[in-house]
Amino acid sequence: MELALKIIHVVLAAGVIINVLLQPGRSAGMGAIGGGAQTFFGKRKGLEEKLARITTAFAVLFMLSSVLLAFIIAR
């Protein structure tokens, strides 16, 4: 049980890291090239919102697995 939870915990941690890295930075599109490209191609808000929701889900599951692991290991 403990080993399976540790594996799930590592997978969730990797998921949080990957999703955070996939999200654009706050200053994305501020430069001359990025701003001009958004004029022609538009901003992909739908993808950004989905990534934010997925990241939130991974983060919540990661926190829950952290607490659960702490309780199991403390026993």
C-alpha atoms as a PDB file:
ATOM      1  CA  MET A   1       0.000   0.000   0.000  1.00  0.00           C
ATOM      2  CA  GLU A   2       2.747   2.407   0.982  1.00  0.00           C
ATOM      3  CA  LEU A   3       4.794   1.656  -2.134  1.00  0.00           C
ATOM      4  CA  ALA A   4       1.810   2.170  -4.418  1.00  0.00           C
ATOM      5  CA  LEU A   5       1.031   5.501  -2.762  1.00  0.00           C
ATOM      6  CA  LYS A   6       4.653   6.604  -3.133  1.00  0.00           C
ATOM      7  CA  ILE A   7       4.565   5.774  -6.853  1.00  0.00           C
ATOM      8  CA  ILE A   8       1.309   7.703  -7.279  1.00  0.00           C
ATOM      9  CA  HIS A   9       2.850  10.614  -5.353  1.00  0.00           C
ATOM     10  CA  VAL A  10       5.858  10.744  -7.688  1.00  0.00           C
ATOM     11  CA  VAL A  11       3.603  10.612 -10.770  1.00  0.00           C
ATOM     12  CA  LEU A  12       1.489  13.463  -9.389  1.00  0.00           C
ATOM     13  CA  ALA A  13       4.611  15.505  -8.643  1.00  0.00           C
ATOM     14  CA  ALA A  14       5.815  15.014 -12.215  1.00  0.00           C
ATOM     15  CA  GLY A  15       2.364  15.998 -13.484  1.00  0.00           C
ATOM     16  CA  VAL A  16       2.418  19.243 -11.512  1.00  0.00           C
ATOM     17  CA  ILE A  17       5.898  20.091 -12.774  1.00  0.00           C
ATOM     18  CA  ILE A  18       5.075  19.345 -16.411  1.00  0.00           C
ATOM     19  CA  ASN A  19       1.822  21.306 -16.345  1.00  0.00           C
ATOM     20  CA  VAL A  20       3.446  24.331 -14.721  1.00  0.00           C
ATOM     21  CA  LEU A  21       6.191  24.306 -17.336  1.00  0.00           C
ATOM     22  CA  LEU A  22       3.655  24.071 -20.170  1.00  0.00           C
ATOM     23  CA  GLN A  23       1.821  27.205 -19.060  1.00  0.00           C
ATOM     24  CA  PRO A  24       2.876  30.484 -20.642  1.00  0.00           C
ATOM     25  CA  GLY A  25       4.563  33.059 -18.423  1.00  0.00           C
ATOM     26  CA  ARG A  26       2.854  36.197 -17.212  1.00  0.00           C
ATOM     27  CA  SER A  27       4.915  38.324 -19.553  1.00  0.00           C
ATOM     28  CA  ALA A  28       4.176  36.175 -22.617  1.00  0.00           C
ATOM     29  CA  GLY A  29       3.209  38.342 -25.547  1.00  0.00           C
ATOM     30  CA  MET A  30       4.673  41.538 -24.106  1.00  0.00           C
ATOM     31  CA  GLY A  31       7.518  41.806 -26.568  1.00  0.00           C
ATOM     32  CA  ALA A  32       7.380  43.265 -30.064  1.00  0.00           C
ATOM     33  CA  ILE A  33       7.505  39.864 -31.761  1.00  0.00           C
ATOM     34  CA  GLY A  34       5.079  38.134 -29.374  1.00  0.00           C
ATOM     35  CA  GLY A  35       2.599  40.998 -29.447  1.00  0.00           C
ATOM     36  CA  GLY A  36       2.615  41.159 -33.229  1.00  0.00           C
ATOM     37  CA  ALA A  37       2.136  37.421 -33.532  1.00  0.00           C
ATOM     38  CA  GLN A  38      -0.916  37.568 -31.271  1.00  0.00           C
ATOM     39  CA  THR A  39      -2.456  40.134 -33.564  1.00  0.00           C
ATOM     40  CA  PHE A  40      -2.300  37.713 -36.476  1.00  0.00           C
ATOM     41  CA  PHE A  41      -2.854  34.375 -34.756  1.00  0.00           C
ATOM     42  CA  GLY A  42      -4.893  35.353 -31.693  1.00  0.00           C
ATOM     43  CA  LYS A  43      -4.457  34.228 -28.122  1.00  0.00           C
ATOM     44  CA  ARG A  44      -5.263  30.617 -27.225  1.00  0.00           C
ATOM     45  CA  LYS A  45      -7.278  31.225 -24.059  1.00  0.00           C
ATOM     46  CA  GLY A  46      -9.047  27.866 -24.112  1.00  0.00           C
ATOM     47  CA  LEU A  47      -5.791  25.952 -23.858  1.00  0.00           C
ATOM     48  CA  GLU A  48      -4.493  28.163 -21.062  1.00  0.00           C
ATOM     49  CA  GLU A  49      -7.674  27.681 -19.041  1.00  0.00           C
ATOM     50  CA  LYS A  50      -7.539  23.900 -19.486  1.00  0.00           C
ATOM     51  CA  LEU A  51      -3.893  23.804 -18.403  1.00  0.00           C
ATOM     52  CA  ALA A  52      -4.728  25.891 -15.332  1.00  0.00           C
ATOM     53  CA  ARG A  53      -7.549  23.520 -14.348  1.00  0.00           C
ATOM     54  CA  ILE A  54      -5.395  20.440 -14.913  1.00  0.00           C
ATOM     55  CA  THR A  55      -2.584  21.974 -12.858  1.00  0.00           C
ATOM     56  CA  THR A  56      -5.018  22.759 -10.037  1.00  0.00           C
ATOM     57  CA  ALA A  57      -6.321  19.193 -10.076  1.00  0.00           C
ATOM     58  CA  PHE A  58      -2.794  17.748  -9.995  1.00  0.00           C
ATOM     59  CA  ALA A  59      -1.826  20.104  -7.147  1.00  0.00           C
ATOM     60  CA  VAL A  60      -4.858  19.174  -5.028  1.00  0.00           C
ATOM     61  CA  LEU A  61      -4.277  15.453  -5.581  1.00  0.00           C
ATOM     62  CA  PHE A  62      -0.577  15.917  -4.780  1.00  0.00           C
ATOM     63  CA  MET A  63      -1.421  17.637  -1.484  1.00  0.00           C
ATOM     64  CA  LEU A  64      -3.917  14.923  -0.555  1.00  0.00           C
ATOM     65  CA  SER A  65      -1.394  12.196  -1.308  1.00  0.00           C
ATOM     66  CA  SER A  66       1.203  14.067   0.782  1.00  0.00           C
ATOM     67  CA  VAL A  67      -1.096  14.140   3.790  1.00  0.00           C
ATOM     68  CA  LEU A  68      -2.083  10.515   3.320  1.00  0.00           C
ATOM     69  CA  LEU A  69       1.550   9.441   3.052  1.00  0.00           C
ATOM     70  CA  ALA A  70       2.394  11.360   6.214  1.00  0.00           C
ATOM     71  CA  PHE A  71      -0.358   9.555   8.130  1.00  0.00           C
ATOM     72  CA  ILE A  72       0.618   6.137   6.778  1.00  0.00           C
ATOM     73  CA  ILE A  73       4.334   6.571   7.469  1.00  0.00           C
ATOM     74  CA  ALA A  74       3.691   7.943  10.973  1.00  0.00           C
ATOM     75  CA  ARG A  75       1.838   4.771  11.968  1.00  0.00           C
END
